[in-house]
Amino acid sequence: GRARADLPLTGFWMAAEIMGMGYSDNNLIDATAQLGWES
């Protein structure tokens, strides 16, 4: 899952991304918070 919000007319954006799964005694979570800029 990923959510992203662009700040209009600035090129800046914010996002949060998560990947994961649990199975029996095994678990994995990979989460990221991001701030970016695009020309």
PDB file of all heavy atoms in Angstrom:
ATOM      1  N   GLY A   1       0.821  -1.199   0.000  1.00  0.00           N
ATOM      2  CA  GLY A   1       0.000   0.000   0.000  1.00  0.00           C
ATOM      3  C   GLY A   1       0.856   1.250   0.000  1.00  0.00           C
ATOM      4  O   GLY A   1       1.938   1.273   0.615  1.00  0.00           O
ATOM      5  N   ARG A   2       0.378   2.283  -0.686  1.00  0.00           N
ATOM      6  CA  ARG A   2       1.104   3.542  -0.734  1.00  0.00           C
ATOM      7  C   ARG A   2       0.128   4.700  -0.881  1.00  0.00           C
ATOM      8  O   ARG A   2      -0.848   4.603  -1.638  1.00  0.00           O
ATOM      9  CB  ARG A   2       2.097   3.570  -1.900  1.00  0.00           C
ATOM     10  CG  ARG A   2       3.034   4.795  -1.933  1.00  0.00           C
ATOM     11  CD  ARG A   2       4.088   4.645  -3.013  1.00  0.00           C
ATOM     12  NE  ARG A   2       5.111   5.669  -2.928  1.00  0.00           N
ATOM     13  CZ  ARG A   2       5.130   6.782  -3.683  1.00  0.00           C
ATOM     14  NH1 ARG A   2       4.171   6.978  -4.601  1.00  0.00           N
ATOM     15  NH2 ARG A   2       6.102   7.662  -3.561  1.00  0.00           N
ATOM     16  N   ALA A   3       0.381   5.777  -0.164  1.00  0.00           N
ATOM     17  CA  ALA A   3      -0.410   7.004  -0.280  1.00  0.00           C
ATOM     18  C   ALA A   3       0.547   8.156  -0.554  1.00  0.00           C
ATOM     19  O   ALA A   3       1.606   8.257   0.079  1.00  0.00           O
ATOM     20  CB  ALA A   3      -1.196   7.260   0.996  1.00  0.00           C
ATOM     21  N   ARG A   4       0.164   9.008  -1.505  1.00  0.00           N
ATOM     22  CA  ARG A   4       1.013  10.144  -1.875  1.00  0.00           C
ATOM     23  C   ARG A   4       0.149  11.385  -2.023  1.00  0.00           C
ATOM     24  O   ARG A   4      -0.959  11.329  -2.586  1.00  0.00           O
ATOM     25  CB  ARG A   4       1.764   9.862  -3.179  1.00  0.00           C
ATOM     26  CG  ARG A   4       2.451  11.094  -3.785  1.00  0.00           C
ATOM     27  CD  ARG A   4       3.347  10.751  -4.926  1.00  0.00           C
ATOM     28  NE  ARG A   4       3.657  11.929  -5.749  1.00  0.00           N
ATOM     29  CZ  ARG A   4       4.704  12.054  -6.537  1.00  0.00           C
ATOM     30  NH1 ARG A   4       5.574  11.064  -6.630  1.00  0.00           N
ATOM     31  NH2 ARG A   4       4.904  13.147  -7.245  1.00  0.00           N
ATOM     32  N   ALA A   5       0.667  12.513  -1.538  1.00  0.00           N
ATOM     33  CA  ALA A   5      -0.013  13.802  -1.671  1.00  0.00           C
ATOM     34  C   ALA A   5       0.947  14.794  -2.309  1.00  0.00           C
ATOM     35  O   ALA A   5       2.068  14.988  -1.822  1.00  0.00           O
ATOM     36  CB  ALA A   5      -0.477  14.316  -0.311  1.00  0.00           C
ATOM     37  N   ASP A   6       0.530  15.417  -3.423  1.00  0.00           N
ATOM     38  CA  ASP A   6       1.322  16.435  -4.099  1.00  0.00           C
ATOM     39  C   ASP A   6       0.916  17.820  -3.610  1.00  0.00           C
ATOM     40  O   ASP A   6      -0.281  18.097  -3.421  1.00  0.00           O
ATOM     41  CB  ASP A   6       1.115  16.363  -5.611  1.00  0.00           C
ATOM     42  CG  ASP A   6       1.681  15.086  -6.214  1.00  0.00           C
ATOM     43  OD1 ASP A   6       2.639  14.544  -5.641  1.00  0.00           O
ATOM     44  OD2 ASP A   6       1.149  14.626  -7.233  1.00  0.00           O
ATOM     45  N   LEU A   7       1.899  18.674  -3.404  1.00  0.00           N
ATOM     46  CA  LEU A   7       1.626  20.060  -3.052  1.00  0.00           C
ATOM     47  C   LEU A   7       1.557  20.865  -4.341  1.00  0.00           C
ATOM     48  O   LEU A   7       2.570  21.022  -5.035  1.00  0.00           O
ATOM     49  CB  LEU A   7       2.728  20.600  -2.134  1.00  0.00           C
ATOM     50  CG  LEU A   7       2.942  19.795  -0.840  1.00  0.00           C
ATOM     51  CD1 LEU A   7       4.052  20.417  -0.005  1.00  0.00           C
ATOM     52  CD2 LEU A   7       1.660  19.717  -0.040  1.00  0.00           C
ATOM     53  N   PRO A   8       0.362  21.350  -4.737  1.00  0.00           N
ATOM     54  CA  PRO A   8       0.171  21.977  -6.058  1.00  0.00           C
ATOM     55  C   PRO A   8       1.146  23.124  -6.321  1.00  0.00           C
ATOM     56  O   PRO A   8       1.453  23.922  -5.433  1.00  0.00           O
ATOM     57  CB  PRO A   8      -1.277  22.482  -6.002  1.00  0.00           C
ATOM     58  CG  PRO A   8      -1.936  21.619  -4.966  1.00  0.00           C
ATOM     59  CD  PRO A   8      -0.877  21.326  -3.953  1.00  0.00           C
ATOM     60  N   LEU A   9       1.663  23.130  -7.552  1.00  0.00           N
ATOM     61  CA  LEU A   9       2.479  24.229  -8.088  1.00  0.00           C
ATOM     62  C   LEU A   9       3.859  24.352  -7.434  1.00  0.00           C
ATOM     63  O   LEU A   9       4.571  25.315  -7.681  1.00  0.00           O
ATOM     64  CB  LEU A   9       1.740  25.568  -7.956  1.00  0.00           C
ATOM     65  CG  LEU A   9       0.323  25.618  -8.561  1.00  0.00           C
ATOM     66  CD1 LEU A   9      -0.310  26.976  -8.318  1.00  0.00           C
ATOM     67  CD2 LEU A   9       0.357  25.292 -10.046  1.00  0.00           C
ATOM     68  N   THR A  10       4.248  23.383  -6.623  1.00  0.00           N
ATOM     69  CA  THR A  10       5.543  23.479  -5.945  1.00  0.00           C
ATOM     70  C   THR A  10       6.522  22.400  -6.387  1.00  0.00           C
ATOM     71  O   THR A  10       7.730  22.574  -6.237  1.00  0.00           O
ATOM     72  CB  THR A  10       5.370  23.374  -4.418  1.00  0.00           C
ATOM     73  OG1 THR A  10       4.925  22.049  -4.090  1.00  0.00           O
ATOM     74  CG2 THR A  10       4.367  24.407  -3.906  1.00  0.00           C
ATOM     75  N   GLY A  11       6.016  21.280  -6.879  1.00  0.00           N
ATOM     76  CA  GLY A  11       6.866  20.140  -7.188  1.00  0.00           C
ATOM     77  C   GLY A  11       7.141  19.243  -5.999  1.00  0.00           C
ATOM     78  O   GLY A  11       7.688  18.150  -6.161  1.00  0.00           O
ATOM     79  N   PHE A  12       6.742  19.662  -4.794  1.00  0.00           N
ATOM     80  CA  PHE A  12       6.976  18.861  -3.599  1.00  0.00           C
ATOM     81  C   PHE A  12       5.853  17.841  -3.401  1.00  0.00           C
ATOM     82  O   PHE A  12       4.703  18.085  -3.772  1.00  0.00           O
ATOM     83  CB  PHE A  12       7.083  19.751  -2.357  1.00  0.00           C
ATOM     84  CG  PHE A  12       8.387  20.491  -2.252  1.00  0.00           C
ATOM     85  CD1 PHE A  12       8.475  21.807  -2.696  1.00  0.00           C
ATOM     86  CD2 PHE A  12       9.519  19.887  -1.729  1.00  0.00           C
ATOM     87  CE1 PHE A  12       9.665  22.500  -2.605  1.00  0.00           C
ATOM     88  CE2 PHE A  12      10.712  20.571  -1.633  1.00  0.00           C
ATOM     89  CZ  PHE A  12      10.787  21.877  -2.076  1.00  0.00           C
ATOM     90  N   TRP A  13       6.205  16.724  -2.797  1.00  0.00           N
ATOM     91  CA  TRP A  13       5.218  15.693  -2.487  1.00  0.00           C
ATOM     92  C   TRP A  13       5.609  14.963  -1.219  1.00  0.00           C
ATOM     93  O   TRP A  13       6.772  14.957  -0.807  1.00  0.00           O
ATOM     94  CB  TRP A  13       5.073  14.704  -3.641  1.00  0.00           C
ATOM     95  CG  TRP A  13       6.358  14.070  -4.123  1.00  0.00           C
ATOM     96  CD1 TRP A  13       7.177  14.521  -5.124  1.00  0.00           C
ATOM     97  CD2 TRP A  13       6.980  12.875  -3.604  1.00  0.00           C
ATOM     98  NE1 TRP A  13       8.261  13.687  -5.265  1.00  0.00           N
ATOM     99  CE2 TRP A  13       8.165  12.656  -4.356  1.00  0.00           C
ATOM    100  CE3 TRP A  13       6.638  11.962  -2.615  1.00  0.00           C
ATOM    101  CZ2 TRP A  13       9.015  11.577  -4.123  1.00  0.00           C
ATOM    102  CZ3 TRP A  13       7.484  10.883  -2.376  1.00  0.00           C
ATOM    103  CH2 TRP A  13       8.655  10.704  -3.137  1.00  0.00           C
ATOM    104  N   MET A  14       4.623  14.346  -0.591  1.00  0.00           N
ATOM    105  CA  MET A  14       4.816  13.534   0.606  1.00  0.00           C
ATOM    106  C   MET A  14       4.178  12.174   0.371  1.00  0.00           C
ATOM    107  O   MET A  14       3.154  12.076  -0.306  1.00  0.00           O
ATOM    108  CB  MET A  14       4.187  14.199   1.827  1.00  0.00           C
ATOM    109  CG  MET A  14       4.755  15.551   2.185  1.00  0.00           C
ATOM    110  SD  MET A  14       3.911  16.269   3.628  1.00  0.00           S
ATOM    111  CE  MET A  14       2.260  16.503   2.951  1.00  0.00           C
ATOM    112  N   ALA A  15       4.776  11.130   0.933  1.00  0.00           N
ATOM    113  CA  ALA A  15       4.233   9.792   0.721  1.00  0.00           C
ATOM    114  C   ALA A  15       4.565   8.893   1.904  1.00  0.00           C
ATOM    115  O   ALA A  15       5.509   9.139   2.658  1.00  0.00           O
ATOM    116  CB  ALA A  15       4.776   9.186  -0.570  1.00  0.00           C
ATOM    117  N   ALA A  16       3.744   7.855   2.044  1.00  0.00           N
ATOM    118  CA  ALA A  16       3.996   6.785   3.010  1.00  0.00           C
ATOM    119  C   ALA A  16       3.738   5.465   2.301  1.00  0.00           C
ATOM    120  O   ALA A  16       2.756   5.320   1.571  1.00  0.00           O
ATOM    121  CB  ALA A  16       3.102   6.926   4.226  1.00  0.00           C
ATOM    122  N   GLU A  17       4.625   4.506   2.500  1.00  0.00           N
ATOM    123  CA  GLU A  17       4.550   3.221   1.815  1.00  0.00           C
ATOM    124  C   GLU A  17       4.759   2.099   2.822  1.00  0.00           C
ATOM    125  O   GLU A  17       5.603   2.217   3.711  1.00  0.00           O
ATOM    126  CB  GLU A  17       5.619   3.159   0.724  1.00  0.00           C
ATOM    127  CG  GLU A  17       5.636   1.887  -0.100  1.00  0.00           C
ATOM    128  CD  GLU A  17       6.697   1.942  -1.196  1.00  0.00           C
ATOM    129  OE1 GLU A  17       7.877   1.664  -0.875  1.00  0.00           O
ATOM    130  OE2 GLU A  17       6.368   2.273  -2.336  1.00  0.00           O
ATOM    131  N   ILE A  18       3.988   1.023   2.671  1.00  0.00           N
ATOM    132  CA  ILE A  18       4.150  -0.117   3.568  1.00  0.00           C
ATOM    133  C   ILE A  18       3.974  -1.411   2.785  1.00  0.00           C
ATOM    134  O   ILE A  18       3.115  -1.513   1.904  1.00  0.00           O
ATOM    135  CB  ILE A  18       3.164  -0.043   4.754  1.00  0.00           C
ATOM    136  CG1 ILE A  18       3.473  -1.167   5.755  1.00  0.00           C
ATOM    137  CG2 ILE A  18       1.720  -0.097   4.284  1.00  0.00           C
ATOM    138  CD1 ILE A  18       2.780  -0.991   7.090  1.00  0.00           C
ATOM    139  N   MET A  19       4.807  -2.381   3.085  1.00  0.00           N
ATOM    140  CA  MET A  19       4.723  -3.732   2.546  1.00  0.00           C
ATOM    141  C   MET A  19       4.840  -4.696   3.718  1.00  0.00           C
ATOM    142  O   MET A  19       5.595  -4.440   4.653  1.00  0.00           O
ATOM    143  CB  MET A  19       5.849  -4.006   1.540  1.00  0.00           C
ATOM    144  CG  MET A  19       5.788  -3.157   0.292  1.00  0.00           C
ATOM    145  SD  MET A  19       7.229  -3.423  -0.784  1.00  0.00           S
ATOM    146  CE  MET A  19       8.447  -2.395   0.056  1.00  0.00           C
ATOM    147  N   GLY A  20       4.119  -5.803   3.661  1.00  0.00           N
ATOM    148  CA  GLY A  20       4.251  -6.738   4.759  1.00  0.00           C
ATOM    149  C   GLY A  20       3.394  -7.977   4.604  1.00  0.00           C
ATOM    150  O   GLY A  20       2.529  -8.059   3.726  1.00  0.00           O
ATOM    151  N   MET A  21       3.658  -8.937   5.484  1.00  0.00           N
ATOM    152  CA  MET A  21       2.903 -10.178   5.515  1.00  0.00           C
ATOM    153  C   MET A  21       3.258 -10.924   6.786  1.00  0.00           C
ATOM    154  O   MET A  21       4.394 -10.862   7.265  1.00  0.00           O
ATOM    155  CB  MET A  21       3.211 -11.045   4.286  1.00  0.00           C
ATOM    156  CG  MET A  21       2.495 -12.393   4.273  1.00  0.00           C
ATOM    157  SD  MET A  21       0.705 -12.266   4.369  1.00  0.00           S
ATOM    158  CE  MET A  21       0.328 -11.689   2.709  1.00  0.00           C
ATOM    159  N   GLY A  22       2.277 -11.619   7.344  1.00  0.00           N
ATOM    160  CA  GLY A  22       2.501 -12.513   8.457  1.00  0.00           C
ATOM    161  C   GLY A  22       2.053 -13.913   8.078  1.00  0.00           C
ATOM    162  O   GLY A  22       0.985 -14.102   7.477  1.00  0.00           O
ATOM    163  N   TYR A  23       2.856 -14.918   8.421  1.00  0.00           N
ATOM    164  CA  TYR A  23       2.547 -16.297   8.067  1.00  0.00           C
ATOM    165  C   TYR A  23       3.126 -17.200   9.135  1.00  0.00           C
ATOM    166  O   TYR A  23       4.339 -17.231   9.333  1.00  0.00           O
ATOM    167  CB  TYR A  23       3.130 -16.646   6.699  1.00  0.00           C
ATOM    168  CG  TYR A  23       2.875 -18.059   6.243  1.00  0.00           C
ATOM    169  CD1 TYR A  23       1.719 -18.397   5.558  1.00  0.00           C
ATOM    170  CD2 TYR A  23       3.799 -19.064   6.507  1.00  0.00           C
ATOM    171  CE1 TYR A  23       1.486 -19.699   5.142  1.00  0.00           C
ATOM    172  CE2 TYR A  23       3.581 -20.367   6.100  1.00  0.00           C
ATOM    173  CZ  TYR A  23       2.425 -20.680   5.422  1.00  0.00           C
ATOM    174  OH  TYR A  23       2.192 -21.978   5.025  1.00  0.00           O
ATOM    175  N   SER A  24       2.251 -17.902   9.872  1.00  0.00           N
ATOM    176  CA  SER A  24       2.679 -18.767  10.957  1.00  0.00           C
ATOM    177  C   SER A  24       3.516 -17.934  11.936  1.00  0.00           C
ATOM    178  O   SER A  24       3.059 -16.914  12.427  1.00  0.00           O
ATOM    179  CB  SER A  24       3.459 -19.961  10.406  1.00  0.00           C
ATOM    180  OG  SER A  24       3.770 -20.882  11.429  1.00  0.00           O
ATOM    181  N   ASP A  25       4.743 -18.350  12.218  1.00  0.00           N
ATOM    182  CA  ASP A  25       5.602 -17.586  13.135  1.00  0.00           C
ATOM    183  C   ASP A  25       6.502 -16.605  12.405  1.00  0.00           C
ATOM    184  O   ASP A  25       7.437 -16.050  12.997  1.00  0.00           O
ATOM    185  CB  ASP A  25       6.480 -18.548  13.951  1.00  0.00           C
ATOM    186  CG  ASP A  25       5.670 -19.421  14.883  1.00  0.00           C
ATOM    187  OD1 ASP A  25       4.629 -18.949  15.360  1.00  0.00           O
ATOM    188  OD2 ASP A  25       6.073 -20.571  15.115  1.00  0.00           O
ATOM    189  N   ASN A  26       6.245 -16.371  11.125  1.00  0.00           N
ATOM    190  CA  ASN A  26       7.102 -15.504  10.312  1.00  0.00           C
ATOM    191  C   ASN A  26       6.371 -14.204   9.995  1.00  0.00           C
ATOM    192  O   ASN A  26       5.194 -14.202   9.637  1.00  0.00           O
ATOM    193  CB  ASN A  26       7.471 -16.216   9.013  1.00  0.00           C
ATOM    194  CG  ASN A  26       8.124 -17.557   9.283  1.00  0.00           C
ATOM    195  OD1 ASN A  26       9.275 -17.624   9.679  1.00  0.00           O
ATOM    196  ND2 ASN A  26       7.368 -18.634   9.095  1.00  0.00           N
ATOM    197  N   ASN A  27       7.096 -13.104  10.134  1.00  0.00           N
ATOM    198  CA  ASN A  27       6.501 -11.789   9.905  1.00  0.00           C
ATOM    199  C   ASN A  27       7.513 -10.872   9.235  1.00  0.00           C
ATOM    200  O   ASN A  27       8.719 -10.954   9.492  1.00  0.00           O
ATOM    201  CB  ASN A  27       6.049 -11.154  11.228  1.00  0.00           C
ATOM    202  CG  ASN A  27       4.958 -11.938  11.916  1.00  0.00           C
ATOM    203  OD1 ASN A  27       3.790 -11.824  11.582  1.00  0.00           O
ATOM    204  ND2 ASN A  27       5.343 -12.764  12.888  1.00  0.00           N
ATOM    205  N   LEU A  28       6.989  -9.983   8.396  1.00  0.00           N
ATOM    206  CA  LEU A  28       7.827  -8.986   7.740  1.00  0.00           C
ATOM    207  C   LEU A  28       7.027  -7.704   7.576  1.00  0.00           C
ATOM    208  O   LEU A  28       5.875  -7.739   7.116  1.00  0.00           O
ATOM    209  CB  LEU A  28       8.318  -9.472   6.379  1.00  0.00           C
ATOM    210  CG  LEU A  28       9.252  -8.538   5.608  1.00  0.00           C
ATOM    211  CD1 LEU A  28      10.250  -9.340   4.785  1.00  0.00           C
ATOM    212  CD2 LEU A  28       8.476  -7.598   4.669  1.00  0.00           C
ATOM    213  N   ILE A  29       7.606  -6.592   7.976  1.00  0.00           N
ATOM    214  CA  ILE A  29       7.034  -5.269   7.734  1.00  0.00           C
ATOM    215  C   ILE A  29       8.140  -4.372   7.195  1.00  0.00           C
ATOM    216  O   ILE A  29       9.232  -4.311   7.763  1.00  0.00           O
ATOM    217  CB  ILE A  29       6.440  -4.656   9.012  1.00  0.00           C
ATOM    218  CG1 ILE A  29       5.255  -5.474   9.521  1.00  0.00           C
ATOM    219  CG2 ILE A  29       6.005  -3.214   8.755  1.00  0.00           C
ATOM    220  CD1 ILE A  29       4.672  -4.963  10.817  1.00  0.00           C
ATOM    221  N   ASP A  30       7.856  -3.691   6.092  1.00  0.00           N
ATOM    222  CA  ASP A  30       8.801  -2.762   5.477  1.00  0.00           C
ATOM    223  C   ASP A  30       8.047  -1.460   5.228  1.00  0.00           C
ATOM    224  O   ASP A  30       7.171  -1.387   4.361  1.00  0.00           O
ATOM    225  CB  ASP A  30       9.326  -3.353   4.168  1.00  0.00           C
ATOM    226  CG  ASP A  30      10.535  -2.592   3.630  1.00  0.00           C
ATOM    227  OD1 ASP A  30      10.752  -1.444   4.045  1.00  0.00           O
ATOM    228  OD2 ASP A  30      11.259  -3.156   2.795  1.00  0.00           O
ATOM    229  N   ALA A  31       8.338  -0.430   6.015  1.00  0.00           N
ATOM    230  CA  ALA A  31       7.577   0.822   5.967  1.00  0.00           C
ATOM    231  C   ALA A  31       8.512   2.004   5.722  1.00  0.00           C
ATOM    232  O   ALA A  31       9.630   2.045   6.252  1.00  0.00           O
ATOM    233  CB  ALA A  31       6.803   1.032   7.263  1.00  0.00           C
ATOM    234  N   THR A  32       8.032   2.960   4.941  1.00  0.00           N
ATOM    235  CA  THR A  32       8.836   4.134   4.581  1.00  0.00           C
ATOM    236  C   THR A  32       7.975   5.389   4.615  1.00  0.00           C
ATOM    237  O   THR A  32       6.839   5.392   4.129  1.00  0.00           O
ATOM    238  CB  THR A  32       9.425   3.983   3.165  1.00  0.00           C
ATOM    239  OG1 THR A  32      10.136   2.752   3.064  1.00  0.00           O
ATOM    240  CG2 THR A  32      10.376   5.127   2.853  1.00  0.00           C
ATOM    241  N   ALA A  33       8.516   6.458   5.184  1.00  0.00           N
ATOM    242  CA  ALA A  33       7.926   7.799   5.106  1.00  0.00           C
ATOM    243  C   ALA A  33       8.837   8.646   4.226  1.00  0.00           C
ATOM    244  O   ALA A  33      10.065   8.622   4.406  1.00  0.00           O
ATOM    245  CB  ALA A  33       7.780   8.409   6.490  1.00  0.00           C
ATOM    246  N   GLN A  34       8.249   9.402   3.275  1.00  0.00           N
ATOM    247  CA  GLN A  34       9.042  10.072   2.250  1.00  0.00           C
ATOM    248  C   GLN A  34       8.622  11.533   2.068  1.00  0.00           C
ATOM    249  O   GLN A  34       7.445  11.879   2.207  1.00  0.00           O
ATOM    250  CB  GLN A  34       8.856   9.368   0.900  1.00  0.00           C
ATOM    251  CG  GLN A  34       9.162   7.876   0.925  1.00  0.00           C
ATOM    252  CD  GLN A  34       8.535   7.140  -0.252  1.00  0.00           C
ATOM    253  OE1 GLN A  34       7.431   7.452  -0.673  1.00  0.00           O
ATOM    254  NE2 GLN A  34       9.249   6.151  -0.772  1.00  0.00           N
ATOM    255  N   LEU A  35       9.598  12.356   1.742  1.00  0.00           N
ATOM    256  CA  LEU A  35       9.375  13.730   1.289  1.00  0.00           C
ATOM    257  C   LEU A  35      10.210  13.935   0.040  1.00  0.00           C
ATOM    258  O   LEU A  35      11.416  13.645   0.046  1.00  0.00           O
ATOM    259  CB  LEU A  35       9.793  14.745   2.363  1.00  0.00           C
ATOM    260  CG  LEU A  35       9.721  16.219   1.959  1.00  0.00           C
ATOM    261  CD1 LEU A  35       8.276  16.629   1.670  1.00  0.00           C
ATOM    262  CD2 LEU A  35      10.330  17.105   3.044  1.00  0.00           C
ATOM    263  N   GLY A  36       9.573  14.382  -1.053  1.00  0.00           N
ATOM    264  CA  GLY A  36      10.294  14.497  -2.310  1.00  0.00           C
ATOM    265  C   GLY A  36       9.980  15.753  -3.073  1.00  0.00           C
ATOM    266  O   GLY A  36       9.067  16.520  -2.728  1.00  0.00           O
ATOM    267  N   TRP A  37      10.754  15.958  -4.133  1.00  0.00           N
ATOM    268  CA  TRP A  37      10.555  17.107  -5.029  1.00  0.00           C
ATOM    269  C   TRP A  37      10.851  16.646  -6.445  1.00  0.00           C
ATOM    270  O   TRP A  37      11.778  15.861  -6.682  1.00  0.00           O
ATOM    271  CB  TRP A  37      11.493  18.253  -4.651  1.00  0.00           C
ATOM    272  CG  TRP A  37      11.435  19.392  -5.625  1.00  0.00           C
ATOM    273  CD1 TRP A  37      10.492  20.383  -5.707  1.00  0.00           C
ATOM    274  CD2 TRP A  37      12.374  19.669  -6.678  1.00  0.00           C
ATOM    275  NE1 TRP A  37      10.772  21.247  -6.733  1.00  0.00           N
ATOM    276  CE2 TRP A  37      11.931  20.836  -7.354  1.00  0.00           C
ATOM    277  CE3 TRP A  37      13.543  19.038  -7.111  1.00  0.00           C
ATOM    278  CZ2 TRP A  37      12.618  21.377  -8.436  1.00  0.00           C
ATOM    279  CZ3 TRP A  37      14.225  19.579  -8.188  1.00  0.00           C
ATOM    280  CH2 TRP A  37      13.759  20.739  -8.832  1.00  0.00           C
ATOM    281  N   GLU A  38      10.027  17.112  -7.394  1.00  0.00           N
ATOM    282  CA  GLU A  38      10.205  16.767  -8.799  1.00  0.00           C
ATOM    283  C   GLU A  38      10.204  18.034  -9.640  1.00  0.00           C
ATOM    284  O   GLU A  38       9.317  18.888  -9.504  1.00  0.00           O
ATOM    285  CB  GLU A  38       9.082  15.842  -9.269  1.00  0.00           C
ATOM    286  CG  GLU A  38       9.227  15.393 -10.721  1.00  0.00           C
ATOM    287  CD  GLU A  38       8.091  14.472 -11.149  1.00  0.00           C
ATOM    288  OE1 GLU A  38       7.790  13.522 -10.398  1.00  0.00           O
ATOM    289  OE2 GLU A  38       7.496  14.713 -12.230  1.00  0.00           O
ATOM    290  N   SER A  39      11.204  18.172 -10.513  1.00  0.00           N
ATOM    291  CA  SER A  39      11.301  19.346 -11.373  1.00  0.00           C
ATOM    292  C   SER A  39      10.352  19.214 -12.554  1.00  0.00           C
ATOM    293  O   SER A  39       9.757  18.158 -12.786  1.00  0.00           O
ATOM    294  CB  SER A  39      12.739  19.508 -11.869  1.00  0.00           C
ATOM    295  OG  SER A  39      13.059  18.475 -12.784  1.00  0.00           O
TER     296      SER A  39
END
